[in-house]
């Protein structure tokens, strides 16, 4: 059975991910689980920090970019695989498309923490998944903000962090 692909499905948070180990045993799965687990933990800490302090610290987001880039370039990231160019394009274009139009609105409209978070996400999950995640996040943010505005829990000028929706 060595050398054959053995698919293993996991369901983190409702998202089906299938890893294929090729005769390397369980150590490769432990590497994937460790990296994705660390990324998930970083996202949770970032969520809490952004909600509490209106900040996605560089100490959380920049290491993710470095590790995700190395993981993607190695070809071992099962969510990126051989699609390295779309992952890098997603890591650059998606944050740029969201950040550049926010510049005229001043500081706090869309922060660099959000940019770094999106860059790391693009490298970790690939360009197509990152784009899909951002679209879902934008829709979810719109629905939540509309409900909060309708309930008069927030005003038009109330600061709402975008990171938690990503």
Foldseek 3Di string as FASTA:
>chain_A
DAQDWDWDWDQPPNDTDIDTDHNPPCPLVVVQCVLVVLLVVLLVVQLVCCVPPVDRDCVSQVVLLVVLLVCLVVQSQRLCRPVQVQLQCQLPVVLCVVPVVCVVVDPQSADVSNSSNRSSVSSRRHNVVSVVQVVQLVVVVVVVVVVCVVVVVDDPPDRDRSSVSD
